[in-house]
Amino acid sequence: ALSTQVFGLSVQTTEYQQEAKTRLHLPFELLSDQALKLKETMHLPTFPVDGMELYKRLTLIAADGVIEQVFYPVFPPDQNADEVLAWLRSNA
C-alpha cells in the first residue's frame, strides 16, 4: 500500500482555507504560506491576481525532507492525481 500524506498549500489565510476545505469537501489539510516563505526558499512559481501573488499549480513529492519529484506544470489538473499515483507506485 502507498503510505502518503497530501497537503494543499496556498497564500490565503488559515480562516479562508478552513472555509474552502469545508465548502469543497477536501479530504486533506491546507497549509497557509501568506509570507511566501516557500517561494523564497524553493523558488516556487507564482502569478499575480488582483494585487495578490498566488502559487502556480504544482505537485511536490517529498520523503524525509528531500524533494524527490516535481510535477510542473500541472495540466490538465484532473489528471495529476493519476500521474502522481503512477510515480509513487513505480518508485515505491
N, C-alpha and C. Protein backbone atom coordinates (compact mmCIF):
# COMPACT_ATOMS: atom_id res chain seq x y z
N ALA A 1 0.85 -1.19 0.00
CA ALA A 1 0.00 0.00 0.00
C ALA A 1 0.88 1.24 0.00
N LEU A 2 0.38 2.30 -0.60
CA LEU A 2 1.11 3.56 -0.64
C LEU A 2 0.88 4.31 0.67
N SER A 3 1.94 4.63 1.35
CA SER A 3 1.85 5.37 2.60
C SER A 3 2.22 6.82 2.31
N THR A 4 1.21 7.65 2.12
CA THR A 4 1.45 9.04 1.75
C THR A 4 0.57 9.97 2.56
N GLN A 5 0.95 11.23 2.58
CA GLN A 5 0.13 12.30 3.13
C GLN A 5 0.00 13.36 2.06
N VAL A 6 -1.17 13.96 1.97
CA VAL A 6 -1.43 15.01 0.99
C VAL A 6 -1.73 16.30 1.74
N PHE A 7 -1.13 17.39 1.27
CA PHE A 7 -1.39 18.72 1.81
C PHE A 7 -1.58 19.67 0.64
N GLY A 8 -2.43 20.65 0.84
CA GLY A 8 -2.56 21.74 -0.12
C GLY A 8 -1.82 22.94 0.45
N LEU A 9 -1.28 23.77 -0.42
CA LEU A 9 -0.55 24.97 0.00
C LEU A 9 -1.08 26.16 -0.76
N SER A 10 -1.32 27.25 -0.04
CA SER A 10 -1.73 28.49 -0.70
C SER A 10 -1.31 29.68 0.14
N VAL A 11 -1.47 30.86 -0.41
CA VAL A 11 -1.12 32.08 0.31
C VAL A 11 -2.30 32.65 1.09
N GLN A 12 -3.46 32.05 0.96
CA GLN A 12 -4.63 32.55 1.67
C GLN A 12 -4.50 32.29 3.18
N THR A 13 -5.29 33.02 3.94
CA THR A 13 -5.28 32.88 5.39
C THR A 13 -5.79 31.51 5.81
N THR A 14 -5.45 31.11 7.01
CA THR A 14 -5.93 29.84 7.55
C THR A 14 -7.45 29.83 7.62
N GLU A 15 -8.05 30.95 7.98
CA GLU A 15 -9.51 31.04 8.06
C GLU A 15 -10.14 30.81 6.69
N TYR A 16 -9.59 31.44 5.66
CA TYR A 16 -10.10 31.25 4.30
C TYR A 16 -9.95 29.78 3.89
N GLN A 17 -8.82 29.20 4.21
CA GLN A 17 -8.58 27.80 3.84
C GLN A 17 -9.56 26.86 4.53
N GLN A 18 -9.86 27.11 5.80
CA GLN A 18 -10.82 26.26 6.51
C GLN A 18 -12.19 26.32 5.85
N GLU A 19 -12.59 27.53 5.45
CA GLU A 19 -13.87 27.69 4.76
C GLU A 19 -13.84 26.95 3.44
N ALA A 20 -12.76 27.07 2.69
CA ALA A 20 -12.64 26.40 1.40
C ALA A 20 -12.62 24.88 1.57
N LYS A 21 -11.91 24.41 2.57
CA LYS A 21 -11.85 22.96 2.82
C LYS A 21 -13.24 22.41 3.10
N THR A 22 -14.01 23.12 3.90
CA THR A 22 -15.37 22.69 4.22
C THR A 22 -16.26 22.76 2.99
N ARG A 23 -16.21 23.89 2.29
CA ARG A 23 -17.06 24.11 1.13
C ARG A 23 -16.78 23.11 0.01
N LEU A 24 -15.51 22.79 -0.19
CA LEU A 24 -15.10 21.90 -1.29
C LEU A 24 -14.98 20.44 -0.86
N HIS A 25 -15.23 20.17 0.41
CA HIS A 25 -15.16 18.80 0.95
C HIS A 25 -13.79 18.17 0.68
N LEU A 26 -12.73 18.93 0.95
CA LEU A 26 -11.38 18.44 0.70
C LEU A 26 -10.97 17.43 1.76
N PRO A 27 -10.42 16.30 1.35
CA PRO A 27 -10.03 15.25 2.31
C PRO A 27 -8.60 15.42 2.83
N PHE A 28 -8.01 16.60 2.68
CA PHE A 28 -6.64 16.83 3.13
C PHE A 28 -6.53 18.22 3.75
N GLU A 29 -5.47 18.40 4.52
CA GLU A 29 -5.24 19.68 5.18
C GLU A 29 -4.66 20.70 4.21
N LEU A 30 -4.95 21.97 4.47
CA LEU A 30 -4.40 23.07 3.69
C LEU A 30 -3.41 23.83 4.56
N LEU A 31 -2.28 24.16 3.99
CA LEU A 31 -1.23 24.90 4.70
C LEU A 31 -1.16 26.31 4.16
N SER A 32 -1.06 27.28 5.06
CA SER A 32 -1.02 28.68 4.67
C SER A 32 0.43 29.18 4.64
N ASP A 33 0.78 29.85 3.55
CA ASP A 33 2.10 30.46 3.41
C ASP A 33 1.91 31.90 2.93
N GLN A 34 1.28 32.70 3.78
CA GLN A 34 0.98 34.08 3.42
C GLN A 34 2.24 34.90 3.14
N ALA A 35 3.34 34.56 3.80
CA ALA A 35 4.59 35.30 3.63
C ALA A 35 5.42 34.80 2.45
N LEU A 36 4.92 33.81 1.73
CA LEU A 36 5.61 33.25 0.56
C LEU A 36 7.02 32.75 0.90
N LYS A 37 7.17 32.17 2.08
CA LYS A 37 8.47 31.65 2.50
C LYS A 37 8.95 30.50 1.62
N LEU A 38 8.03 29.62 1.21
CA LEU A 38 8.45 28.52 0.34
C LEU A 38 8.84 29.01 -1.04
N LYS A 39 8.19 30.07 -1.50
CA LYS A 39 8.59 30.65 -2.79
C LYS A 39 10.04 31.10 -2.71
N GLU A 40 10.36 31.80 -1.64
CA GLU A 40 11.72 32.32 -1.47
C GLU A 40 12.73 31.18 -1.30
N THR A 41 12.39 30.21 -0.48
CA THR A 41 13.32 29.12 -0.16
C THR A 41 13.50 28.15 -1.32
N MET A 42 12.38 27.81 -1.98
CA MET A 42 12.41 26.77 -3.00
C MET A 42 12.23 27.30 -4.42
N HIS A 43 12.11 28.62 -4.55
CA HIS A 43 11.93 29.25 -5.86
C HIS A 43 10.70 28.71 -6.58
N LEU A 44 9.58 28.61 -5.84
CA LEU A 44 8.34 28.10 -6.42
C LEU A 44 7.71 29.16 -7.32
N PRO A 45 7.06 28.75 -8.40
CA PRO A 45 6.45 29.70 -9.34
C PRO A 45 5.16 30.30 -8.79
N THR A 46 4.98 31.58 -9.06
CA THR A 46 3.78 32.30 -8.63
C THR A 46 3.24 33.11 -9.80
N PHE A 47 2.05 33.68 -9.60
CA PHE A 47 1.47 34.58 -10.60
C PHE A 47 0.62 35.62 -9.87
N PRO A 48 0.49 36.82 -10.46
CA PRO A 48 -0.30 37.88 -9.81
C PRO A 48 -1.78 37.80 -10.19
N VAL A 49 -2.64 38.05 -9.19
CA VAL A 49 -4.09 38.13 -9.41
C VAL A 49 -4.65 39.16 -8.45
N ASP A 50 -5.27 40.18 -8.98
CA ASP A 50 -5.95 41.19 -8.15
C ASP A 50 -5.10 41.68 -6.99
N GLY A 51 -3.85 42.00 -7.25
CA GLY A 51 -2.98 42.52 -6.22
C GLY A 51 -2.39 41.49 -5.29
N MET A 52 -2.68 40.23 -5.53
CA MET A 52 -2.12 39.15 -4.71
C MET A 52 -1.13 38.35 -5.54
N GLU A 53 -0.21 37.70 -4.87
CA GLU A 53 0.71 36.78 -5.54
C GLU A 53 0.32 35.37 -5.10
N LEU A 54 -0.08 34.54 -6.06
CA LEU A 54 -0.55 33.18 -5.76
C LEU A 54 0.43 32.15 -6.32
N TYR A 55 0.43 30.98 -5.69
CA TYR A 55 1.26 29.89 -6.21
C TYR A 55 0.63 29.31 -7.47
N LYS A 56 1.48 28.98 -8.44
CA LYS A 56 1.02 28.22 -9.59
C LYS A 56 0.81 26.78 -9.16
N ARG A 57 -0.04 26.07 -9.88
CA ARG A 57 -0.35 24.69 -9.54
C ARG A 57 0.87 23.80 -9.83
N LEU A 58 1.32 23.09 -8.80
CA LEU A 58 2.39 22.12 -8.96
C LEU A 58 2.25 21.06 -7.88
N THR A 59 2.92 19.95 -8.07
CA THR A 59 2.91 18.86 -7.10
C THR A 59 4.35 18.52 -6.75
N LEU A 60 4.63 18.51 -5.45
CA LEU A 60 5.94 18.11 -4.95
C LEU A 60 5.79 16.80 -4.20
N ILE A 61 6.69 15.87 -4.45
CA ILE A 61 6.74 14.64 -3.67
C ILE A 61 8.02 14.69 -2.86
N ALA A 62 7.85 14.63 -1.53
CA ALA A 62 9.00 14.72 -0.63
C ALA A 62 9.04 13.49 0.26
N ALA A 63 10.25 13.09 0.60
CA ALA A 63 10.46 12.00 1.55
C ALA A 63 11.64 12.38 2.43
N ASP A 64 11.42 12.33 3.72
CA ASP A 64 12.47 12.65 4.68
C ASP A 64 13.10 14.02 4.42
N GLY A 65 12.27 14.99 4.06
CA GLY A 65 12.75 16.36 3.86
C GLY A 65 13.43 16.62 2.54
N VAL A 66 13.40 15.65 1.63
CA VAL A 66 14.05 15.80 0.32
C VAL A 66 12.99 15.75 -0.77
N ILE A 67 13.00 16.73 -1.68
CA ILE A 67 12.08 16.72 -2.82
C ILE A 67 12.58 15.66 -3.80
N GLU A 68 11.74 14.67 -4.05
CA GLU A 68 12.12 13.57 -4.94
C GLU A 68 11.55 13.72 -6.34
N GLN A 69 10.43 14.43 -6.46
CA GLN A 69 9.80 14.58 -7.78
C GLN A 69 9.00 15.87 -7.78
N VAL A 70 9.03 16.56 -8.92
CA VAL A 70 8.22 17.77 -9.11
C VAL A 70 7.39 17.57 -10.36
N PHE A 71 6.10 17.80 -10.24
CA PHE A 71 5.20 17.81 -11.40
C PHE A 71 4.83 19.26 -11.65
N TYR A 72 5.36 19.82 -12.74
CA TYR A 72 5.08 21.20 -13.11
C TYR A 72 5.38 21.38 -14.58
N PRO A 73 4.53 22.00 -15.33
CA PRO A 73 3.22 22.47 -14.91
C PRO A 73 2.25 21.31 -14.75
N VAL A 74 1.23 21.53 -13.97
CA VAL A 74 0.18 20.53 -13.77
C VAL A 74 -0.96 20.87 -14.72
N PHE A 75 -1.00 20.14 -15.83
CA PHE A 75 -2.05 20.36 -16.83
C PHE A 75 -2.23 19.09 -17.65
N PRO A 76 -3.43 18.66 -17.81
CA PRO A 76 -4.65 19.15 -17.16
C PRO A 76 -4.69 18.70 -15.70
N PRO A 77 -5.20 19.56 -14.82
CA PRO A 77 -5.15 19.26 -13.39
C PRO A 77 -5.91 18.01 -12.98
N ASP A 78 -6.94 17.65 -13.71
CA ASP A 78 -7.73 16.47 -13.33
C ASP A 78 -6.99 15.15 -13.60
N GLN A 79 -5.83 15.22 -14.23
CA GLN A 79 -5.05 14.01 -14.49
C GLN A 79 -3.83 13.89 -13.58
N ASN A 80 -3.57 14.91 -12.78
CA ASN A 80 -2.37 14.92 -11.95
C ASN A 80 -2.37 13.84 -10.89
N ALA A 81 -3.50 13.57 -10.27
CA ALA A 81 -3.55 12.53 -9.22
C ALA A 81 -3.12 11.18 -9.79
N ASP A 82 -3.58 10.85 -10.99
CA ASP A 82 -3.18 9.58 -11.61
C ASP A 82 -1.69 9.56 -11.91
N GLU A 83 -1.14 10.69 -12.37
CA GLU A 83 0.30 10.77 -12.64
C GLU A 83 1.11 10.57 -11.35
N VAL A 84 0.65 11.21 -10.28
CA VAL A 84 1.34 11.09 -9.00
C VAL A 84 1.28 9.66 -8.49
N LEU A 85 0.10 9.05 -8.54
CA LEU A 85 -0.03 7.66 -8.09
C LEU A 85 0.85 6.72 -8.90
N ALA A 86 0.91 6.92 -10.20
CA ALA A 86 1.77 6.08 -11.04
C ALA A 86 3.23 6.25 -10.64
N TRP A 87 3.65 7.49 -10.39
CA TRP A 87 5.03 7.73 -9.98
C TRP A 87 5.31 7.06 -8.64
N LEU A 88 4.39 7.22 -7.69
CA LEU A 88 4.58 6.61 -6.37
C LEU A 88 4.68 5.09 -6.46
N ARG A 89 3.84 4.49 -7.27
CA ARG A 89 3.87 3.02 -7.42
C ARG A 89 5.19 2.55 -8.04
N SER A 90 5.67 3.28 -9.04
CA SER A 90 6.89 2.85 -9.72
C SER A 90 8.15 3.19 -8.93
N ASN A 91 8.03 4.01 -7.91
CA ASN A 91 9.19 4.39 -7.11
C ASN A 91 9.07 3.96 -5.65
N ALA A 92 8.18 3.01 -5.41
CA ALA A 92 7.96 2.54 -4.02
C ALA A 92 9.09 1.66 -3.55
